[in-house]
């Protein structure tokens, strides 16, 4: 909410050390980042130390969702699986609106500076 952003901005301005400044910045940016998260890129990773059996490496490699694997040693393999279904539960439209408003502010500032500085504004 707007009050949350204002509170963290105020606390960031009052911070006396770099850690606190970065913390309050992260608290604000994490919300935006979660709204823009691309859930299509999520993967499931299974670490297996045995080959046979119902939940062994062989079972996952035979899956239609299997794109790749990485062998770490004789007894350990990481198996990457694509998600079988995607649930769009992130408010992507909020992140897009934030980006649009931000771009508008940047362009307005550029136009203002262009009137003040002319060709020197780059």
Protein backbone atom coordinates (compact mmCIF):
# COMPACT_ATOMS: atom_id res chain seq x y z
CA UNK A 1 0.00 0.00 0.00
CA UNK A 2 0.98 3.61 -0.35
CA UNK A 3 1.39 4.01 3.42
CA UNK A 4 3.83 1.06 3.51
CA UNK A 5 5.96 2.58 0.74
CA UNK A 6 5.97 6.01 2.42
CA UNK A 7 6.92 4.47 5.78
CA UNK A 8 9.86 2.54 4.30
CA UNK A 9 10.98 5.59 2.32
CA UNK A 10 10.93 7.68 5.50
CA UNK A 11 12.80 5.00 7.47
CA UNK A 12 15.36 4.72 4.67
CA UNK A 13 15.95 8.49 4.75
CA UNK A 14 16.42 8.36 8.54
CA UNK A 15 18.82 5.40 8.39
CA UNK A 16 22.29 5.97 9.74
CA UNK A 17 24.10 3.02 8.18
CA UNK A 18 24.31 1.28 4.82
CA UNK A 19 22.65 -1.93 6.04
CA UNK A 20 19.44 -0.17 7.09
CA UNK A 21 19.31 1.87 3.88
CA UNK A 22 19.63 -1.31 1.81
CA UNK A 23 17.08 -3.12 3.98
CA UNK A 24 14.35 -0.51 3.50
CA UNK A 25 15.14 -0.29 -0.21
CA UNK A 26 14.82 -4.07 -0.49
CA UNK A 27 11.50 -4.06 1.40
CA UNK A 28 10.08 -1.71 -1.22
CA UNK A 29 11.68 -3.32 -4.28
CA UNK A 30 10.78 -6.88 -3.25
CA UNK A 31 7.08 -6.09 -3.62
CA UNK A 32 7.62 -4.78 -7.14
CA UNK A 33 9.82 -7.77 -7.98
CA UNK A 34 7.17 -10.25 -6.88
CA UNK A 35 4.56 -8.53 -9.07
CA UNK A 36 6.86 -8.88 -12.10
CA UNK A 37 7.97 -12.45 -11.38
CA UNK A 38 7.85 -14.69 -14.46
CA UNK A 39 6.37 -17.94 -13.19
CA UNK A 40 6.79 -19.54 -16.62
CA UNK A 41 10.53 -19.83 -15.88
CA UNK A 42 10.07 -21.76 -12.62
CA UNK A 43 11.52 -25.27 -12.57
CA UNK A 44 11.40 -28.19 -10.19
CA UNK A 45 14.76 -29.66 -9.23
CA UNK A 46 14.96 -33.14 -7.71
CA UNK A 47 18.17 -34.38 -6.08
CA UNK A 48 18.39 -38.17 -6.22
CA UNK A 49 20.97 -40.56 -4.82
CA UNK A 50 19.49 -43.78 -6.21
CA UNK A 51 18.52 -44.92 -9.71
CA UNK A 52 15.82 -47.56 -9.33
CA UNK A 53 12.58 -47.53 -7.43
CA UNK A 54 9.35 -45.62 -7.87
CA UNK A 55 10.85 -42.24 -6.93
CA UNK A 56 14.37 -42.87 -8.20
CA UNK A 57 16.21 -40.94 -10.90
CA UNK A 58 14.97 -43.34 -13.60
CA UNK A 59 11.36 -42.44 -12.76
CA UNK A 60 11.93 -38.68 -13.23
CA UNK A 61 14.06 -39.02 -16.38
CA UNK A 62 11.23 -40.99 -18.02
CA UNK A 63 8.81 -38.13 -17.29
CA UNK A 64 7.60 -35.98 -20.23
CA UNK A 65 8.54 -32.91 -18.15
CA UNK A 66 12.24 -33.86 -18.08
CA UNK A 67 14.49 -31.43 -20.04
CA UNK A 68 17.92 -31.99 -18.43
CA UNK A 69 20.01 -33.36 -15.59
CA UNK A 70 23.38 -32.71 -13.98
CA UNK A 71 25.47 -35.50 -12.49
CA UNK A 72 27.44 -34.37 -9.43
CA UNK A 73 28.97 -37.70 -8.55
CA UNK A 74 28.47 -41.43 -8.62
CA UNK A 75 25.66 -41.22 -6.06
CA UNK A 76 24.09 -37.81 -6.74
CA UNK A 77 22.20 -36.37 -9.70
CA UNK A 78 20.08 -33.21 -10.03
CA UNK A 79 17.09 -33.64 -12.31
CA UNK A 80 15.37 -30.59 -13.76
CA UNK A 81 11.65 -30.88 -14.44
CA UNK A 82 9.41 -28.39 -16.20
CA UNK A 83 6.21 -27.52 -14.37
CA UNK A 84 3.26 -29.56 -15.59
CA UNK A 85 0.84 -26.69 -14.93
CA UNK A 86 1.15 -22.96 -14.37
CA UNK A 87 -1.00 -21.02 -11.91
CA UNK A 88 -1.00 -17.30 -12.68
CA UNK A 89 -1.30 -16.01 -9.13
CA UNK A 90 0.93 -12.93 -9.33
CA UNK A 91 -0.56 -9.47 -10.04
CA UNK A 92 1.51 -8.81 -13.17
CA UNK A 93 -0.71 -5.87 -14.12
CA UNK A 94 0.41 -4.02 -10.95
CA UNK A 95 4.07 -4.27 -11.95
CA UNK A 96 3.28 -3.16 -15.50
CA UNK A 97 1.36 -0.14 -14.16
CA UNK A 98 4.32 0.79 -11.93
CA UNK A 99 6.68 0.59 -14.92
CA UNK A 100 4.35 2.72 -17.06
CA UNK A 101 4.05 5.43 -14.41
CA UNK A 102 7.83 5.37 -13.85
CA UNK A 103 8.54 5.76 -17.57
CA UNK A 104 6.09 8.66 -17.76
CA UNK A 105 7.87 10.40 -14.87
CA UNK A 106 11.28 9.89 -16.52
CA UNK A 107 10.05 11.23 -19.88
CA UNK A 108 8.41 14.24 -18.20
CA UNK A 109 11.64 15.01 -16.37
CA UNK A 110 13.63 14.65 -19.59
CA UNK A 111 11.29 17.09 -21.38
CA UNK A 112 11.64 19.55 -18.50
CA UNK A 113 15.44 19.29 -18.57
CA UNK A 114 15.43 19.62 -22.35
CA UNK A 115 13.71 23.02 -22.07
CA UNK A 116 16.33 24.14 -19.52
CA UNK A 117 19.49 22.73 -21.11
CA UNK A 118 18.59 22.36 -24.78
CA UNK A 119 21.06 20.29 -26.80
CA UNK A 120 23.32 19.82 -23.75
CA UNK A 121 20.73 17.47 -22.26
CA UNK A 122 21.88 13.95 -23.09
